[in-house]
């Protein structure tokens, strides 16, 4: 069972209280500029907004301090992984037994200690590569564009006088929750997995970790992993990675 404190951490995989971040989202959607179009959010704006979101989450999360074993382990694993093809990366560990990890558009990567407990070092690196793959492929951006172009948002903005900034905080928050909780498509998953394999190869890590990590995730029950709720079909993906290894 996920506690209320834990639920605040699950932005990509569970319902975060909308009021926690609605104000910043209003700014990101162009609060003083009328209703924004689906294509008007720039990459820089998306990264800046993502960073503010992560800062809000970090402020509420039980973050592992620098001298904590989890933090020390992740720091050691990522010492040579502080950027990826122009994307600056930063890492933290949330001390919660839930099995989850996520990356945001600004390059923030957050691991849950529950996931680290079940993963070897190279399996952790596979997860890092996979989450970076979602960012580099623009999946987060596409989700927001889809939400902005939805009829529901258009109607809500019209009811509020045509200004995105005039939308109720709960409406903006609920919109964002729907975006980040959406399950990745199989195509997105394959794309992120392929990127993870390239990530492991470029850095000369063991690519077999992609297979073993997915096999471990595939054995979990539905209630044990919020990562699985947004990253489906681990068993099928493990076989696909195994085929790539030859």
C-alpha atoms as a PDB file:
ATOM      1  CA  UNK A   1       0.000   0.000   0.000  1.00  0.00           C
ATOM      2  CA  UNK A   2       1.343   3.440  -0.940  1.00  0.00           C
ATOM      3  CA  UNK A   3       1.258   5.995   1.839  1.00  0.00           C
ATOM      4  CA  UNK A   4       0.222   9.601   1.326  1.00  0.00           C
ATOM      5  CA  UNK A   5       3.848  10.651   1.662  1.00  0.00           C
ATOM      6  CA  UNK A   6       4.896   8.150  -0.976  1.00  0.00           C
ATOM      7  CA  UNK A   7       2.112   9.246  -3.307  1.00  0.00           C
ATOM      8  CA  UNK A   8       3.646  12.715  -3.527  1.00  0.00           C
ATOM      9  CA  UNK A   9       6.677  11.110  -5.136  1.00  0.00           C
ATOM     10  CA  UNK A  10       4.985   9.241  -7.923  1.00  0.00           C
ATOM     11  CA  UNK A  11       4.599  12.040 -10.451  1.00  0.00           C
ATOM     12  CA  UNK A  12       5.146   9.882 -13.535  1.00  0.00           C
ATOM     13  CA  UNK A  13       3.183   6.914 -12.231  1.00  0.00           C
ATOM     14  CA  UNK A  14       0.529   7.951  -9.743  1.00  0.00           C
ATOM     15  CA  UNK A  15      -1.835  10.818  -9.065  1.00  0.00           C
ATOM     16  CA  UNK A  16       0.069  13.718  -7.559  1.00  0.00           C
ATOM     17  CA  UNK A  17      -2.124  16.272  -5.803  1.00  0.00           C
ATOM     18  CA  UNK A  18      -2.897  18.828  -8.556  1.00  0.00           C
ATOM     19  CA  UNK A  19      -2.524  21.867  -6.281  1.00  0.00           C
ATOM     20  CA  UNK A  20       1.120  20.992  -5.669  1.00  0.00           C
ATOM     21  CA  UNK A  21       2.217  22.238  -9.066  1.00  0.00           C
ATOM     22  CA  UNK A  22      -0.696  23.973 -10.804  1.00  0.00           C
ATOM     23  CA  UNK A  23       0.746  27.489 -10.464  1.00  0.00           C
ATOM     24  CA  UNK A  24       3.940  26.659 -12.309  1.00  0.00           C
ATOM     25  CA  UNK A  25       2.036  24.761 -14.966  1.00  0.00           C
ATOM     26  CA  UNK A  26      -0.085  27.838 -15.558  1.00  0.00           C
ATOM     27  CA  UNK A  27       3.068  29.802 -16.309  1.00  0.00           C
ATOM     28  CA  UNK A  28       4.332  27.066 -18.604  1.00  0.00           C
ATOM     29  CA  UNK A  29       1.129  27.223 -20.635  1.00  0.00           C
ATOM     30  CA  UNK A  30       1.465  30.968 -21.103  1.00  0.00           C
ATOM     31  CA  UNK A  31      -0.619  32.454 -18.310  1.00  0.00           C
ATOM     32  CA  UNK A  32      -0.503  35.995 -19.661  1.00  0.00           C
ATOM     33  CA  UNK A  33      -0.462  35.181 -23.331  1.00  0.00           C
ATOM     34  CA  UNK A  34      -3.874  33.710 -23.968  1.00  0.00           C
ATOM     35  CA  UNK A  35      -4.496  30.151 -25.056  1.00  0.00           C
ATOM     36  CA  UNK A  36      -1.269  28.548 -26.261  1.00  0.00           C
ATOM     37  CA  UNK A  37      -1.128  26.254 -29.242  1.00  0.00           C
ATOM     38  CA  UNK A  38       0.094  22.688 -29.062  1.00  0.00           C
ATOM     39  CA  UNK A  39       3.326  23.591 -30.848  1.00  0.00           C
ATOM     40  CA  UNK A  40       4.174  26.774 -28.974  1.00  0.00           C
ATOM     41  CA  UNK A  41       6.028  25.264 -26.002  1.00  0.00           C
ATOM     42  CA  UNK A  42       9.717  25.364 -26.814  1.00  0.00           C
ATOM     43  CA  UNK A  43      12.251  22.790 -25.689  1.00  0.00           C
ATOM     44  CA  UNK A  44      13.816  25.358 -23.360  1.00  0.00           C
ATOM     45  CA  UNK A  45      10.437  26.134 -21.781  1.00  0.00           C
ATOM     46  CA  UNK A  46       9.719  22.450 -21.336  1.00  0.00           C
ATOM     47  CA  UNK A  47      13.074  21.870 -19.666  1.00  0.00           C
ATOM     48  CA  UNK A  48      12.672  24.880 -17.379  1.00  0.00           C
ATOM     49  CA  UNK A  49       9.199  23.803 -16.349  1.00  0.00           C
ATOM     50  CA  UNK A  50      10.333  20.235 -15.753  1.00  0.00           C
ATOM     51  CA  UNK A  51      13.118  21.487 -13.527  1.00  0.00           C
ATOM     52  CA  UNK A  52      10.671  23.501 -11.403  1.00  0.00           C
ATOM     53  CA  UNK A  53       8.424  20.466 -11.089  1.00  0.00           C
ATOM     54  CA  UNK A  54      11.309  18.284  -9.943  1.00  0.00           C
ATOM     55  CA  UNK A  55      12.423  20.900  -7.430  1.00  0.00           C
ATOM     56  CA  UNK A  56       8.915  20.873  -5.937  1.00  0.00           C
ATOM     57  CA  UNK A  57       8.956  17.088  -5.761  1.00  0.00           C
ATOM     58  CA  UNK A  58      12.416  17.010  -4.215  1.00  0.00           C
ATOM     59  CA  UNK A  59      11.294  19.439  -1.533  1.00  0.00           C
ATOM     60  CA  UNK A  60       8.621  16.949  -0.431  1.00  0.00           C
ATOM     61  CA  UNK A  61      10.557  13.729  -0.950  1.00  0.00           C
ATOM     62  CA  UNK A  62      12.634  11.714   1.541  1.00  0.00           C
ATOM     63  CA  UNK A  63      15.838  12.224  -0.446  1.00  0.00           C
ATOM     64  CA  UNK A  64      18.854  10.103   0.409  1.00  0.00           C
ATOM     65  CA  UNK A  65      21.565  12.420   1.800  1.00  0.00           C
ATOM     66  CA  UNK A  66      25.014  12.374   0.234  1.00  0.00           C
ATOM     67  CA  UNK A  67      26.415  10.006   2.880  1.00  0.00           C
ATOM     68  CA  UNK A  68      23.544   7.523   2.546  1.00  0.00           C
ATOM     69  CA  UNK A  69      24.504   4.128   1.021  1.00  0.00           C
ATOM     70  CA  UNK A  70      21.943   4.544  -1.764  1.00  0.00           C
ATOM     71  CA  UNK A  71      23.217   8.000  -2.670  1.00  0.00           C
ATOM     72  CA  UNK A  72      26.839   6.860  -2.553  1.00  0.00           C
ATOM     73  CA  UNK A  73      26.066   3.891  -4.790  1.00  0.00           C
ATOM     74  CA  UNK A  74      24.226   5.973  -7.372  1.00  0.00           C
ATOM     75  CA  UNK A  75      26.962   8.635  -7.312  1.00  0.00           C
ATOM     76  CA  UNK A  76      29.561   5.969  -8.017  1.00  0.00           C
ATOM     77  CA  UNK A  77      27.512   4.453 -10.834  1.00  0.00           C
ATOM     78  CA  UNK A  78      26.888   7.810 -12.511  1.00  0.00           C
ATOM     79  CA  UNK A  79      30.266   9.486 -12.017  1.00  0.00           C
ATOM     80  CA  UNK A  80      30.921   9.154 -15.751  1.00  0.00           C
ATOM     81  CA  UNK A  81      27.269   9.706 -16.735  1.00  0.00           C
ATOM     82  CA  UNK A  82      26.688  13.393 -16.022  1.00  0.00           C
ATOM     83  CA  UNK A  83      25.639  14.242 -19.553  1.00  0.00           C
ATOM     84  CA  UNK A  84      24.204  12.425 -22.536  1.00  0.00           C
ATOM     85  CA  UNK A  85      24.626  13.872 -26.009  1.00  0.00           C
ATOM     86  CA  UNK A  86      24.157  17.442 -24.833  1.00  0.00           C
ATOM     87  CA  UNK A  87      21.640  16.674 -22.081  1.00  0.00           C
ATOM     88  CA  UNK A  88      22.949  17.553 -18.609  1.00  0.00           C
ATOM     89  CA  UNK A  89      21.961  14.904 -16.074  1.00  0.00           C
ATOM     90  CA  UNK A  90      21.427  15.089 -12.335  1.00  0.00           C
ATOM     91  CA  UNK A  91      20.470  12.269  -9.981  1.00  0.00           C
ATOM     92  CA  UNK A  92      18.819  11.697  -6.615  1.00  0.00           C
ATOM     93  CA  UNK A  93      17.434   8.715  -4.711  1.00  0.00           C
ATOM     94  CA  UNK A  94      14.023   8.770  -3.044  1.00  0.00           C
ATOM     95  CA  UNK A  95      13.997   6.573   0.038  1.00  0.00           C
ATOM     96  CA  UNK A  96      10.831   4.587  -0.561  1.00  0.00           C
ATOM     97  CA  UNK A  97      10.289   0.861  -1.033  1.00  0.00           C
ATOM     98  CA  UNK A  98       8.267   1.425  -4.184  1.00  0.00           C
ATOM     99  CA  UNK A  99       9.818   0.160  -7.427  1.00  0.00           C
ATOM    100  CA  UNK A 100      10.082   3.153  -9.723  1.00  0.00           C
ATOM    101  CA  UNK A 101      12.362   5.561 -11.561  1.00  0.00           C
ATOM    102  CA  UNK A 102      11.818   8.456 -13.939  1.00  0.00           C
ATOM    103  CA  UNK A 103      13.581  11.141 -15.940  1.00  0.00           C
ATOM    104  CA  UNK A 104      12.218  14.565 -16.845  1.00  0.00           C
ATOM    105  CA  UNK A 105      12.888  16.799 -19.821  1.00  0.00           C
ATOM    106  CA  UNK A 106      15.551  18.826 -17.991  1.00  0.00           C
ATOM    107  CA  UNK A 107      17.702  15.728 -17.377  1.00  0.00           C
ATOM    108  CA  UNK A 108      16.665  15.067 -13.781  1.00  0.00           C
ATOM    109  CA  UNK A 109      16.707  11.352 -13.014  1.00  0.00           C
ATOM    110  CA  UNK A 110      15.166  10.035  -9.821  1.00  0.00           C
ATOM    111  CA  UNK A 111      15.530   6.491  -8.528  1.00  0.00           C
ATOM    112  CA  UNK A 112      13.442   4.915  -5.811  1.00  0.00           C
ATOM    113  CA  UNK A 113      15.421   2.864  -3.334  1.00  0.00           C
ATOM    114  CA  UNK A 114      13.035  -0.065  -3.856  1.00  0.00           C
ATOM    115  CA  UNK A 115      14.122  -0.318  -7.481  1.00  0.00           C
ATOM    116  CA  UNK A 116      17.802  -0.054  -6.592  1.00  0.00           C
ATOM    117  CA  UNK A 117      17.405  -2.886  -4.072  1.00  0.00           C
ATOM    118  CA  UNK A 118      16.456  -5.336  -6.806  1.00  0.00           C
ATOM    119  CA  UNK A 119      18.874  -4.183  -9.509  1.00  0.00           C
ATOM    120  CA  UNK A 120      22.555  -4.877 -10.114  1.00  0.00           C
ATOM    121  CA  UNK A 121      24.789  -1.955 -11.029  1.00  0.00           C
ATOM    122  CA  UNK A 122      24.507  -2.551 -14.762  1.00  0.00           C
ATOM    123  CA  UNK A 123      20.733  -3.036 -14.471  1.00  0.00           C
ATOM    124  CA  UNK A 124      20.521   0.378 -12.813  1.00  0.00           C
ATOM    125  CA  UNK A 125      22.494   1.747 -15.759  1.00  0.00           C
ATOM    126  CA  UNK A 126      20.025   0.140 -18.163  1.00  0.00           C
ATOM    127  CA  UNK A 127      17.150   1.917 -16.397  1.00  0.00           C
ATOM    128  CA  UNK A 128      19.047   5.204 -16.629  1.00  0.00           C
ATOM    129  CA  UNK A 129      19.541   4.680 -20.361  1.00  0.00           C
ATOM    130  CA  UNK A 130      15.892   3.753 -20.841  1.00  0.00           C
ATOM    131  CA  UNK A 131      14.571   6.816 -19.035  1.00  0.00           C
ATOM    132  CA  UNK A 132      16.985   9.083 -20.885  1.00  0.00           C
ATOM    133  CA  UNK A 133      15.704   7.481 -24.069  1.00  0.00           C
ATOM    134  CA  UNK A 134      12.182   8.728 -23.329  1.00  0.00           C
ATOM    135  CA  UNK A 135      13.535  12.248 -22.879  1.00  0.00           C
ATOM    136  CA  UNK A 136      15.809  12.229 -25.936  1.00  0.00           C
ATOM    137  CA  UNK A 137      13.004  10.850 -28.108  1.00  0.00           C
ATOM    138  CA  UNK A 138      10.698  13.693 -27.085  1.00  0.00           C
ATOM    139  CA  UNK A 139       7.994  11.471 -25.600  1.00  0.00           C
ATOM    140  CA  UNK A 140       7.290  13.905 -22.739  1.00  0.00           C
ATOM    141  CA  UNK A 141       6.980  16.790 -25.162  1.00  0.00           C
ATOM    142  CA  UNK A 142       4.604  14.851 -27.394  1.00  0.00           C
ATOM    143  CA  UNK A 143       2.376  14.022 -24.427  1.00  0.00           C
ATOM    144  CA  UNK A 144       2.077  17.680 -23.469  1.00  0.00           C
ATOM    145  CA  UNK A 145       1.371  18.692 -27.059  1.00  0.00           C
ATOM    146  CA  UNK A 146      -1.380  16.088 -27.239  1.00  0.00           C
ATOM    147  CA  UNK A 147      -2.913  17.359 -24.006  1.00  0.00           C
ATOM    148  CA  UNK A 148      -2.766  20.972 -25.161  1.00  0.00           C
ATOM    149  CA  UNK A 149      -4.511  20.114 -28.402  1.00  0.00           C
ATOM    150  CA  UNK A 150      -7.250  18.127 -26.683  1.00  0.00           C
ATOM    151  CA  UNK A 151     -10.831  19.280 -26.923  1.00  0.00           C
ATOM    152  CA  UNK A 152     -11.175  19.210 -23.138  1.00  0.00           C
ATOM    153  CA  UNK A 153      -8.489  21.855 -22.653  1.00  0.00           C
ATOM    154  CA  UNK A 154      -9.848  24.007 -25.464  1.00  0.00           C
ATOM    155  CA  UNK A 155     -13.322  23.939 -23.924  1.00  0.00           C
ATOM    156  CA  UNK A 156     -12.029  24.685 -20.426  1.00  0.00           C
ATOM    157  CA  UNK A 157      -9.994  27.618 -21.689  1.00  0.00           C
ATOM    158  CA  UNK A 158     -12.964  28.984 -23.616  1.00  0.00           C
ATOM    159  CA  UNK A 159     -15.107  28.789 -20.477  1.00  0.00           C
ATOM    160  CA  UNK A 160     -12.397  30.731 -18.644  1.00  0.00           C
ATOM    161  CA  UNK A 161     -12.395  33.561 -21.158  1.00  0.00           C
ATOM    162  CA  UNK A 162      -9.941  32.078 -23.613  1.00  0.00           C
ATOM    163  CA  UNK A 163      -6.908  32.393 -21.352  1.00  0.00           C
ATOM    164  CA  UNK A 164      -4.964  29.350 -20.269  1.00  0.00           C
ATOM    165  CA  UNK A 165      -3.830  31.235 -17.175  1.00  0.00           C
ATOM    166  CA  UNK A 166      -7.465  31.687 -16.116  1.00  0.00           C
ATOM    167  CA  UNK A 167      -8.066  27.980 -15.872  1.00  0.00           C
ATOM    168  CA  UNK A 168      -8.781  26.681 -12.391  1.00  0.00           C
ATOM    169  CA  UNK A 169      -5.719  25.298 -10.655  1.00  0.00           C
ATOM    170  CA  UNK A 170      -7.393  21.924 -10.251  1.00  0.00           C
ATOM    171  CA  UNK A 171      -8.098  21.738 -13.989  1.00  0.00           C
ATOM    172  CA  UNK A 172      -4.481  22.494 -14.877  1.00  0.00           C
ATOM    173  CA  UNK A 173      -3.222  20.066 -12.273  1.00  0.00           C
ATOM    174  CA  UNK A 174      -5.516  17.298 -13.411  1.00  0.00           C
ATOM    175  CA  UNK A 175      -4.435  17.877 -16.992  1.00  0.00           C
ATOM    176  CA  UNK A 176      -0.793  17.497 -16.072  1.00  0.00           C
ATOM    177  CA  UNK A 177      -1.468  14.372 -13.999  1.00  0.00           C
ATOM    178  CA  UNK A 178      -3.207  12.795 -16.979  1.00  0.00           C
ATOM    179  CA  UNK A 179      -0.228  13.590 -19.175  1.00  0.00           C
ATOM    180  CA  UNK A 180       2.400  12.094 -16.901  1.00  0.00           C
ATOM    181  CA  UNK A 181       0.308   9.084 -15.869  1.00  0.00           C
ATOM    182  CA  UNK A 182      -0.351   8.002 -19.440  1.00  0.00           C
ATOM    183  CA  UNK A 183       1.033   4.593 -20.250  1.00  0.00           C
ATOM    184  CA  UNK A 184       3.853   4.578 -22.765  1.00  0.00           C
ATOM    185  CA  UNK A 185       2.984   2.996 -26.082  1.00  0.00           C
ATOM    186  CA  UNK A 186       4.779  -0.147 -27.175  1.00  0.00           C
ATOM    187  CA  UNK A 187       6.505   1.919 -29.843  1.00  0.00           C
ATOM    188  CA  UNK A 188       7.774   4.384 -27.234  1.00  0.00           C
ATOM    189  CA  UNK A 189       8.969   1.539 -25.050  1.00  0.00           C
ATOM    190  CA  UNK A 190      10.856  -0.074 -27.899  1.00  0.00           C
ATOM    191  CA  UNK A 191      12.419   3.246 -28.815  1.00  0.00           C
ATOM    192  CA  UNK A 192      13.554   3.856 -25.227  1.00  0.00           C
ATOM    193  CA  UNK A 193      14.885   0.299 -24.946  1.00  0.00           C
ATOM    194  CA  UNK A 194      16.845   0.693 -28.170  1.00  0.00           C
ATOM    195  CA  UNK A 195      18.301   3.916 -26.829  1.00  0.00           C
ATOM    196  CA  UNK A 196      19.234   2.156 -23.603  1.00  0.00           C
ATOM    197  CA  UNK A 197      21.113  -0.508 -25.558  1.00  0.00           C
ATOM    198  CA  UNK A 198      23.019   2.214 -27.406  1.00  0.00           C
ATOM    199  CA  UNK A 199      23.649   3.983 -24.097  1.00  0.00           C
ATOM    200  CA  UNK A 200      25.132   0.813 -22.596  1.00  0.00           C
ATOM    201  CA  UNK A 201      27.236   0.158 -25.692  1.00  0.00           C
ATOM    202  CA  UNK A 202      28.631   3.696 -25.893  1.00  0.00           C
ATOM    203  CA  UNK A 203      29.744   3.519 -22.279  1.00  0.00           C
ATOM    204  CA  UNK A 204      30.952  -0.076 -22.534  1.00  0.00           C
ATOM    205  CA  UNK A 205      28.527  -1.488 -19.975  1.00  0.00           C
ATOM    206  CA  UNK A 206      27.060  -4.982 -20.123  1.00  0.00           C
ATOM    207  CA  UNK A 207      24.098  -4.910 -22.516  1.00  0.00           C
ATOM    208  CA  UNK A 208      22.770  -8.169 -21.049  1.00  0.00           C
ATOM    209  CA  UNK A 209      21.619  -6.047 -18.127  1.00  0.00           C
ATOM    210  CA  UNK A 210      18.708  -4.832 -20.257  1.00  0.00           C
ATOM    211  CA  UNK A 211      17.406  -8.399 -20.461  1.00  0.00           C
ATOM    212  CA  UNK A 212      17.913  -9.306 -16.811  1.00  0.00           C
ATOM    213  CA  UNK A 213      16.424  -6.032 -15.550  1.00  0.00           C
ATOM    214  CA  UNK A 214      13.278  -6.500 -17.630  1.00  0.00           C
ATOM    215  CA  UNK A 215      13.000 -10.124 -16.546  1.00  0.00           C
ATOM    216  CA  UNK A 216      13.091  -9.044 -12.904  1.00  0.00           C
ATOM    217  CA  UNK A 217      10.423  -6.419 -13.517  1.00  0.00           C
ATOM    218  CA  UNK A 218       8.321  -8.968 -15.367  1.00  0.00           C
ATOM    219  CA  UNK A 219       8.199 -11.172 -12.269  1.00  0.00           C
ATOM    220  CA  UNK A 220       6.734  -8.449 -10.074  1.00  0.00           C
ATOM    221  CA  UNK A 221       3.058  -8.469  -9.200  1.00  0.00           C
ATOM    222  CA  UNK A 222       0.976  -5.560 -10.455  1.00  0.00           C
ATOM    223  CA  UNK A 223       0.898  -3.867  -7.073  1.00  0.00           C
ATOM    224  CA  UNK A 224       4.636  -3.929  -6.553  1.00  0.00           C
ATOM    225  CA  UNK A 225       5.850  -1.557  -9.231  1.00  0.00           C
ATOM    226  CA  UNK A 226       4.593   1.813 -10.362  1.00  0.00           C
ATOM    227  CA  UNK A 227       7.265   1.737 -13.061  1.00  0.00           C
ATOM    228  CA  UNK A 228       5.330  -1.130 -14.643  1.00  0.00           C
ATOM    229  CA  UNK A 229       2.125   0.903 -14.727  1.00  0.00           C
ATOM    230  CA  UNK A 230       3.657   3.305 -17.242  1.00  0.00           C
ATOM    231  CA  UNK A 231       6.215   0.935 -18.818  1.00  0.00           C
ATOM    232  CA  UNK A 232       4.261  -2.133 -19.989  1.00  0.00           C
ATOM    233  CA  UNK A 233       5.165  -5.609 -21.283  1.00  0.00           C
ATOM    234  CA  UNK A 234       8.570  -6.191 -19.647  1.00  0.00           C
ATOM    235  CA  UNK A 235       8.632  -9.878 -20.601  1.00  0.00           C
ATOM    236  CA  UNK A 236       8.058  -9.147 -24.280  1.00  0.00           C
ATOM    237  CA  UNK A 237      10.652  -6.406 -24.173  1.00  0.00           C
ATOM    238  CA  UNK A 238      13.159  -8.708 -22.486  1.00  0.00           C
ATOM    239  CA  UNK A 239      12.804 -11.156 -25.372  1.00  0.00           C
ATOM    240  CA  UNK A 240      13.234  -8.345 -27.879  1.00  0.00           C
ATOM    241  CA  UNK A 241      16.452  -7.247 -26.143  1.00  0.00           C
ATOM    242  CA  UNK A 242      17.644 -10.851 -26.042  1.00  0.00           C
ATOM    243  CA  UNK A 243      17.141 -11.080 -29.810  1.00  0.00           C
ATOM    244  CA  UNK A 244      19.260  -7.966 -30.288  1.00  0.00           C
ATOM    245  CA  UNK A 245      22.094  -9.533 -28.336  1.00  0.00           C
ATOM    246  CA  UNK A 246      22.098 -12.443 -30.791  1.00  0.00           C
END
